[in-house]
């Protein structure tokens, strides 16, 4: 019975480093936005998207194994969130430091989405086999 974390540990080392960057950029860095009144709603929306993404990825892993479609929750939730973040970045009343933080969060999300869209397209093109040992029967 393999967990998602165990399956990710079998991936190349760069993926582990990317997960650290992703964790910092979309889970920890947004918490700093709680400091400013103008960005508290933004922080809440990011937290909701992250919780939804986490639940979605875990559900997909439990049902499909470690497949290229695991980024689908990011696609569904981060795509509109990045558009929203861009609108917040452009607000005239937004102080400089939160603008920079928002930009950093958007960059991390956009890199993540580049991987996620690529993997989802590969999945749709027929690359649907789970990483060996992570099939649903092995994961449950």
N, C-alpha and C. Protein backbone atom coordinates (compact mmCIF):
# COMPACT_ATOMS: atom_id res chain seq x y z
N UNK A 1 0.85 -1.18 0.00
CA UNK A 1 0.00 0.00 0.00
C UNK A 1 0.89 1.24 0.00
N UNK A 2 0.95 1.92 -1.13
CA UNK A 2 1.83 3.08 -1.29
C UNK A 2 1.03 4.37 -1.12
N UNK A 3 1.60 5.29 -0.37
CA UNK A 3 0.97 6.60 -0.22
C UNK A 3 1.43 7.52 -1.36
N UNK A 4 0.76 8.64 -1.51
CA UNK A 4 1.15 9.62 -2.51
C UNK A 4 2.57 10.12 -2.23
N UNK A 5 2.89 10.34 -0.99
CA UNK A 5 4.22 10.82 -0.62
C UNK A 5 5.28 9.79 -0.98
N UNK A 6 4.99 8.51 -0.77
CA UNK A 6 5.94 7.45 -1.15
C UNK A 6 6.11 7.38 -2.67
N UNK A 7 5.02 7.56 -3.39
CA UNK A 7 5.09 7.54 -4.86
C UNK A 7 5.91 8.72 -5.36
N UNK A 8 5.72 9.89 -4.76
CA UNK A 8 6.49 11.08 -5.16
C UNK A 8 7.97 10.89 -4.85
N UNK A 9 8.27 10.18 -3.77
CA UNK A 9 9.68 9.95 -3.39
C UNK A 9 10.40 9.09 -4.43
N UNK A 10 9.66 8.34 -5.23
CA UNK A 10 10.26 7.51 -6.27
C UNK A 10 10.61 8.31 -7.53
N UNK A 11 10.17 9.54 -7.59
CA UNK A 11 10.39 10.39 -8.76
C UNK A 11 11.81 10.98 -8.70
N UNK A 12 12.26 11.59 -9.80
CA UNK A 12 13.59 12.21 -9.80
C UNK A 12 13.74 13.27 -8.70
N UNK A 13 14.98 13.49 -8.28
CA UNK A 13 15.26 14.42 -7.17
C UNK A 13 14.75 15.82 -7.46
N UNK A 14 14.81 16.28 -8.71
CA UNK A 14 14.37 17.64 -9.02
C UNK A 14 12.90 17.83 -8.67
N UNK A 15 12.11 16.75 -8.77
CA UNK A 15 10.69 16.86 -8.43
C UNK A 15 10.52 17.13 -6.93
N UNK A 16 11.35 16.51 -6.12
CA UNK A 16 11.30 16.77 -4.67
C UNK A 16 11.61 18.24 -4.39
N UNK A 17 12.63 18.77 -5.06
CA UNK A 17 12.97 20.18 -4.86
C UNK A 17 11.83 21.09 -5.35
N UNK A 18 11.22 20.71 -6.46
CA UNK A 18 10.10 21.50 -6.98
C UNK A 18 8.95 21.50 -5.97
N UNK A 19 8.68 20.36 -5.34
CA UNK A 19 7.61 20.28 -4.33
C UNK A 19 7.91 21.24 -3.17
N UNK A 20 9.17 21.37 -2.79
CA UNK A 20 9.54 22.32 -1.73
C UNK A 20 9.24 23.75 -2.18
N UNK A 21 9.61 24.09 -3.41
CA UNK A 21 9.34 25.43 -3.95
C UNK A 21 7.83 25.66 -4.01
N UNK A 22 7.10 24.68 -4.50
CA UNK A 22 5.64 24.78 -4.60
C UNK A 22 5.02 24.97 -3.21
N UNK A 23 5.47 24.20 -2.26
CA UNK A 23 4.95 24.31 -0.89
C UNK A 23 5.19 25.71 -0.34
N UNK A 24 6.40 26.21 -0.51
CA UNK A 24 6.70 27.56 -0.03
C UNK A 24 5.87 28.59 -0.78
N UNK A 25 5.83 28.48 -2.11
CA UNK A 25 5.22 29.52 -2.94
C UNK A 25 3.71 29.59 -2.89
N UNK A 26 3.05 28.46 -2.68
CA UNK A 26 1.58 28.52 -2.69
C UNK A 26 0.94 28.17 -1.34
N UNK A 27 1.72 27.68 -0.40
CA UNK A 27 1.15 27.36 0.91
C UNK A 27 1.64 28.30 2.00
N UNK A 28 2.93 28.59 2.03
CA UNK A 28 3.49 29.42 3.11
C UNK A 28 3.53 30.91 2.78
N UNK A 29 4.05 31.24 1.62
CA UNK A 29 4.17 32.65 1.22
C UNK A 29 2.83 33.39 1.26
N UNK A 30 1.73 32.78 0.81
CA UNK A 30 0.46 33.51 0.87
C UNK A 30 0.04 33.92 2.28
N UNK A 31 0.50 33.20 3.29
CA UNK A 31 0.13 33.56 4.67
C UNK A 31 0.66 34.94 5.05
N UNK A 32 1.75 35.38 4.41
CA UNK A 32 2.28 36.71 4.71
C UNK A 32 1.30 37.80 4.25
N UNK A 33 0.44 37.47 3.31
CA UNK A 33 -0.53 38.45 2.81
C UNK A 33 -1.61 38.79 3.84
N UNK A 34 -1.66 38.03 4.93
CA UNK A 34 -2.63 38.35 5.99
C UNK A 34 -2.30 39.68 6.68
N UNK A 35 -1.09 40.14 6.52
CA UNK A 35 -0.66 41.39 7.15
C UNK A 35 -1.47 42.59 6.64
N UNK A 36 -1.78 42.59 5.35
CA UNK A 36 -2.42 43.75 4.73
C UNK A 36 -3.91 43.53 4.57
N UNK A 37 -4.68 44.53 4.92
CA UNK A 37 -6.13 44.49 4.78
C UNK A 37 -6.54 44.18 3.35
N UNK A 38 -5.84 44.76 2.38
CA UNK A 38 -6.20 44.60 0.97
C UNK A 38 -6.03 43.17 0.46
N UNK A 39 -5.27 42.35 1.17
CA UNK A 39 -4.97 41.01 0.66
C UNK A 39 -5.51 39.87 1.52
N UNK A 40 -6.31 40.17 2.50
CA UNK A 40 -6.83 39.10 3.36
C UNK A 40 -7.79 38.18 2.62
N UNK A 41 -8.66 38.73 1.79
CA UNK A 41 -9.55 37.89 0.99
C UNK A 41 -8.74 37.04 0.00
N UNK A 42 -7.71 37.63 -0.56
CA UNK A 42 -6.82 36.90 -1.47
C UNK A 42 -6.22 35.70 -0.76
N UNK A 43 -5.75 35.90 0.46
CA UNK A 43 -5.17 34.80 1.24
C UNK A 43 -6.20 33.71 1.46
N UNK A 44 -7.41 34.09 1.82
CA UNK A 44 -8.47 33.11 2.05
C UNK A 44 -8.75 32.30 0.78
N UNK A 45 -8.82 32.96 -0.36
CA UNK A 45 -9.08 32.26 -1.63
C UNK A 45 -7.94 31.31 -1.98
N UNK A 46 -6.71 31.72 -1.71
CA UNK A 46 -5.57 30.84 -1.97
C UNK A 46 -5.63 29.61 -1.07
N UNK A 47 -5.96 29.82 0.20
CA UNK A 47 -6.07 28.69 1.14
C UNK A 47 -7.17 27.73 0.70
N UNK A 48 -8.31 28.25 0.29
CA UNK A 48 -9.41 27.40 -0.18
C UNK A 48 -8.98 26.60 -1.42
N UNK A 49 -8.31 27.27 -2.37
CA UNK A 49 -7.83 26.58 -3.57
C UNK A 49 -6.83 25.50 -3.21
N UNK A 50 -5.96 25.77 -2.26
CA UNK A 50 -4.97 24.77 -1.85
C UNK A 50 -5.61 23.57 -1.18
N UNK A 51 -6.58 23.80 -0.34
CA UNK A 51 -7.28 22.69 0.32
C UNK A 51 -8.01 21.86 -0.74
N UNK A 52 -8.69 22.54 -1.67
CA UNK A 52 -9.38 21.83 -2.75
C UNK A 52 -8.42 21.03 -3.61
N UNK A 53 -7.27 21.62 -3.93
CA UNK A 53 -6.25 20.93 -4.73
C UNK A 53 -5.74 19.70 -3.99
N UNK A 54 -5.44 19.86 -2.71
CA UNK A 54 -4.94 18.74 -1.91
C UNK A 54 -5.94 17.59 -1.90
N UNK A 55 -7.20 17.91 -1.64
CA UNK A 55 -8.24 16.88 -1.61
C UNK A 55 -8.37 16.22 -2.98
N UNK A 56 -8.37 17.03 -4.04
CA UNK A 56 -8.51 16.49 -5.39
C UNK A 56 -7.36 15.59 -5.80
N UNK A 57 -6.14 16.00 -5.49
CA UNK A 57 -4.97 15.18 -5.84
C UNK A 57 -5.01 13.86 -5.06
N UNK A 58 -5.31 13.94 -3.78
CA UNK A 58 -5.40 12.72 -2.97
C UNK A 58 -6.49 11.78 -3.51
N UNK A 59 -7.63 12.34 -3.90
CA UNK A 59 -8.73 11.52 -4.43
C UNK A 59 -8.32 10.86 -5.75
N UNK A 60 -7.71 11.65 -6.64
CA UNK A 60 -7.26 11.08 -7.92
C UNK A 60 -6.23 9.98 -7.69
N UNK A 61 -5.29 10.21 -6.78
CA UNK A 61 -4.28 9.19 -6.48
C UNK A 61 -4.94 7.91 -5.97
N UNK A 62 -5.88 8.06 -5.05
CA UNK A 62 -6.55 6.88 -4.48
C UNK A 62 -7.33 6.10 -5.55
N UNK A 63 -7.83 6.80 -6.56
CA UNK A 63 -8.66 6.14 -7.57
C UNK A 63 -7.93 5.75 -8.85
N UNK A 64 -6.84 6.45 -9.17
CA UNK A 64 -6.13 6.19 -10.43
C UNK A 64 -4.67 5.79 -10.25
N UNK A 65 -4.12 6.02 -9.05
CA UNK A 65 -2.70 5.80 -8.85
C UNK A 65 -1.94 7.07 -9.22
N UNK A 66 -0.63 6.94 -9.31
CA UNK A 66 0.23 8.09 -9.61
C UNK A 66 0.27 8.26 -11.12
N UNK A 67 -0.69 9.04 -11.64
CA UNK A 67 -0.82 9.24 -13.08
C UNK A 67 -0.59 10.71 -13.43
N UNK A 68 -0.46 10.97 -14.72
CA UNK A 68 -0.20 12.33 -15.19
C UNK A 68 -1.39 13.27 -14.99
N UNK A 69 -2.52 12.74 -14.61
CA UNK A 69 -3.72 13.56 -14.41
C UNK A 69 -3.80 14.16 -13.00
N UNK A 70 -2.83 13.88 -12.16
CA UNK A 70 -2.89 14.37 -10.78
C UNK A 70 -2.89 15.89 -10.68
N UNK A 71 -2.44 16.58 -11.71
CA UNK A 71 -2.44 18.04 -11.69
C UNK A 71 -3.78 18.66 -12.05
N UNK A 72 -4.77 17.84 -12.39
CA UNK A 72 -6.08 18.36 -12.78
C UNK A 72 -6.70 19.29 -11.73
N UNK A 73 -6.64 18.97 -10.44
CA UNK A 73 -7.18 19.93 -9.45
C UNK A 73 -6.48 21.29 -9.50
N UNK A 74 -5.18 21.29 -9.77
CA UNK A 74 -4.47 22.57 -9.92
C UNK A 74 -5.00 23.33 -11.12
N UNK A 75 -5.20 22.62 -12.22
CA UNK A 75 -5.71 23.27 -13.43
C UNK A 75 -7.06 23.92 -13.14
N UNK A 76 -7.93 23.18 -12.50
CA UNK A 76 -9.29 23.66 -12.23
C UNK A 76 -9.29 24.83 -11.25
N UNK A 77 -8.45 24.77 -10.24
CA UNK A 77 -8.49 25.79 -9.18
C UNK A 77 -7.47 26.91 -9.36
N UNK A 78 -6.26 26.59 -9.82
CA UNK A 78 -5.23 27.62 -9.93
C UNK A 78 -5.41 28.51 -11.16
N UNK A 79 -5.99 27.99 -12.23
CA UNK A 79 -6.15 28.82 -13.43
C UNK A 79 -6.99 30.06 -13.14
N UNK A 80 -8.20 29.91 -12.60
CA UNK A 80 -8.96 31.14 -12.28
C UNK A 80 -8.32 31.95 -11.14
N UNK A 81 -7.63 31.25 -10.23
CA UNK A 81 -6.97 31.96 -9.13
C UNK A 81 -5.85 32.87 -9.65
N UNK A 82 -5.09 32.40 -10.62
CA UNK A 82 -4.03 33.24 -11.19
C UNK A 82 -4.63 34.48 -11.86
N UNK A 83 -5.76 34.32 -12.52
CA UNK A 83 -6.44 35.46 -13.15
C UNK A 83 -6.87 36.45 -12.07
N UNK A 84 -7.41 35.93 -10.97
CA UNK A 84 -7.80 36.79 -9.85
C UNK A 84 -6.57 37.48 -9.24
N UNK A 85 -5.49 36.72 -9.06
CA UNK A 85 -4.28 37.31 -8.49
C UNK A 85 -3.74 38.43 -9.37
N UNK A 86 -3.83 38.25 -10.66
CA UNK A 86 -3.39 39.30 -11.59
C UNK A 86 -4.21 40.57 -11.39
N UNK A 87 -5.52 40.40 -11.20
CA UNK A 87 -6.36 41.58 -10.96
C UNK A 87 -6.00 42.26 -9.64
N UNK A 88 -5.62 41.47 -8.64
CA UNK A 88 -5.21 42.05 -7.35
C UNK A 88 -3.86 42.75 -7.48
N UNK A 89 -2.98 42.17 -8.26
CA UNK A 89 -1.67 42.78 -8.50
C UNK A 89 -1.82 44.16 -9.16
N UNK A 90 -2.82 44.30 -10.00
CA UNK A 90 -3.01 45.55 -10.74
C UNK A 90 -3.79 46.61 -9.95
N UNK A 91 -4.28 46.27 -8.77
CA UNK A 91 -5.05 47.24 -7.97
C UNK A 91 -4.20 48.46 -7.64
N UNK A 92 -4.74 49.65 -7.86
CA UNK A 92 -3.97 50.86 -7.57
C UNK A 92 -3.72 51.07 -6.07
N UNK A 93 -4.57 50.52 -5.22
CA UNK A 93 -4.40 50.71 -3.78
C UNK A 93 -3.53 49.62 -3.14
N UNK A 94 -2.94 48.75 -3.96
CA UNK A 94 -2.13 47.66 -3.42
C UNK A 94 -0.72 48.15 -3.12
N UNK A 95 -0.27 47.99 -1.87
CA UNK A 95 1.10 48.38 -1.54
C UNK A 95 2.13 47.55 -2.33
N UNK A 96 3.34 48.06 -2.41
CA UNK A 96 4.38 47.43 -3.22
C UNK A 96 4.75 46.03 -2.74
N UNK A 97 4.97 45.84 -1.45
CA UNK A 97 5.42 44.54 -0.96
C UNK A 97 4.39 43.44 -1.23
N UNK A 98 3.10 43.64 -0.93
CA UNK A 98 2.15 42.58 -1.28
C UNK A 98 2.08 42.33 -2.79
N UNK A 99 2.28 43.37 -3.60
CA UNK A 99 2.33 43.17 -5.05
C UNK A 99 3.45 42.21 -5.42
N UNK A 100 4.59 42.39 -4.81
CA UNK A 100 5.74 41.51 -5.08
C UNK A 100 5.46 40.08 -4.62
N UNK A 101 4.81 39.95 -3.47
CA UNK A 101 4.47 38.62 -2.95
C UNK A 101 3.46 37.95 -3.89
N UNK A 102 2.45 38.70 -4.31
CA UNK A 102 1.46 38.17 -5.24
C UNK A 102 2.13 37.73 -6.54
N UNK A 103 3.07 38.52 -7.03
CA UNK A 103 3.79 38.15 -8.26
C UNK A 103 4.56 36.84 -8.06
N UNK A 104 5.23 36.70 -6.93
CA UNK A 104 5.99 35.48 -6.64
C UNK A 104 5.05 34.27 -6.59
N UNK A 105 3.89 34.43 -5.95
CA UNK A 105 2.91 33.34 -5.88
C UNK A 105 2.43 32.98 -7.28
N UNK A 106 2.13 34.00 -8.10
CA UNK A 106 1.67 33.75 -9.47
C UNK A 106 2.73 33.01 -10.29
N UNK A 107 3.98 33.39 -10.14
CA UNK A 107 5.05 32.73 -10.89
C UNK A 107 5.11 31.24 -10.53
N UNK A 108 5.06 30.94 -9.24
CA UNK A 108 5.09 29.54 -8.80
C UNK A 108 3.87 28.79 -9.35
N UNK A 109 2.69 29.40 -9.26
CA UNK A 109 1.48 28.75 -9.77
C UNK A 109 1.55 28.54 -11.27
N UNK A 110 2.09 29.51 -12.00
CA UNK A 110 2.18 29.38 -13.45
C UNK A 110 3.16 28.28 -13.86
N UNK A 111 4.26 28.16 -13.15
CA UNK A 111 5.19 27.05 -13.44
C UNK A 111 4.50 25.72 -13.14
N UNK A 112 3.81 25.66 -12.02
CA UNK A 112 3.07 24.44 -11.68
C UNK A 112 2.04 24.12 -12.76
N UNK A 113 1.32 25.15 -13.20
CA UNK A 113 0.31 24.94 -14.24
C UNK A 113 0.93 24.50 -15.56
N UNK A 114 2.12 24.97 -15.87
CA UNK A 114 2.79 24.53 -17.10
C UNK A 114 3.02 23.02 -17.05
N UNK A 115 3.50 22.53 -15.91
CA UNK A 115 3.68 21.08 -15.74
C UNK A 115 2.33 20.36 -15.79
N UNK A 116 1.34 20.92 -15.08
CA UNK A 116 0.03 20.28 -14.96
C UNK A 116 -0.69 20.19 -16.31
N UNK A 117 -0.69 21.27 -17.07
CA UNK A 117 -1.33 21.24 -18.39
C UNK A 117 -0.62 20.26 -19.32
N UNK A 118 0.72 20.26 -19.28
CA UNK A 118 1.49 19.33 -20.12
C UNK A 118 1.16 17.89 -19.76
N UNK A 119 1.16 17.58 -18.46
CA UNK A 119 0.85 16.22 -18.03
C UNK A 119 -0.58 15.83 -18.36
N UNK A 120 -1.53 16.75 -18.17
CA UNK A 120 -2.93 16.45 -18.48
C UNK A 120 -3.10 16.17 -19.97
N UNK A 121 -2.43 16.94 -20.81
CA UNK A 121 -2.51 16.70 -22.25
C UNK A 121 -1.89 15.35 -22.61
N UNK A 122 -0.79 15.00 -21.97
CA UNK A 122 -0.18 13.68 -22.20
C UNK A 122 -1.14 12.57 -21.77
N UNK A 123 -1.82 12.78 -20.65
CA UNK A 123 -2.79 11.79 -20.17
C UNK A 123 -3.91 11.62 -21.20
N UNK A 124 -4.44 12.74 -21.68
CA UNK A 124 -5.51 12.70 -22.68
C UNK A 124 -5.04 12.09 -23.99
N UNK A 125 -3.74 12.21 -24.28
CA UNK A 125 -3.18 11.64 -25.50
C UNK A 125 -2.89 10.15 -25.36
N UNK A 126 -3.15 9.59 -24.19
CA UNK A 126 -3.02 8.14 -24.04
C UNK A 126 -1.99 7.67 -23.03
N UNK A 127 -1.24 8.56 -22.41
CA UNK A 127 -0.25 8.18 -21.41
C UNK A 127 -0.95 8.06 -20.05
N UNK A 128 -1.75 7.01 -19.91
CA UNK A 128 -2.61 6.88 -18.72
C UNK A 128 -2.11 5.88 -17.69
N UNK A 129 -1.04 5.17 -17.99
CA UNK A 129 -0.56 4.14 -17.06
C UNK A 129 0.01 4.79 -15.80
N UNK A 130 -0.38 4.27 -14.64
CA UNK A 130 0.20 4.78 -13.39
C UNK A 130 1.66 4.37 -13.26
N UNK A 131 2.41 5.13 -12.50
CA UNK A 131 3.77 4.76 -12.17
C UNK A 131 3.71 3.37 -11.52
N UNK A 132 4.58 2.42 -11.90
CA UNK A 132 4.51 1.05 -11.36
C UNK A 132 4.45 1.03 -9.85
N UNK A 133 3.54 0.24 -9.34
CA UNK A 133 3.39 0.08 -7.89
C UNK A 133 2.43 1.08 -7.26
N UNK A 134 1.88 2.00 -8.08
CA UNK A 134 0.98 3.02 -7.52
C UNK A 134 -0.43 2.86 -8.03
N UNK A 135 -0.74 1.74 -8.68
CA UNK A 135 -2.08 1.52 -9.19
C UNK A 135 -3.07 1.57 -8.02
N UNK A 136 -4.33 1.87 -8.31
CA UNK A 136 -5.33 1.98 -7.22
C UNK A 136 -5.35 0.76 -6.31
N UNK A 137 -5.21 -0.45 -6.86
CA UNK A 137 -5.21 -1.64 -6.01
C UNK A 137 -4.00 -1.65 -5.08
N UNK A 138 -2.87 -1.07 -5.56
CA UNK A 138 -1.66 -0.98 -4.72
C UNK A 138 -1.76 0.18 -3.75
N UNK A 139 -2.56 1.22 -4.13
CA UNK A 139 -2.65 2.40 -3.29
C UNK A 139 -3.71 2.27 -2.21
N UNK A 140 -4.64 1.35 -2.36
CA UNK A 140 -5.71 1.27 -1.35
C UNK A 140 -5.57 0.10 -0.44
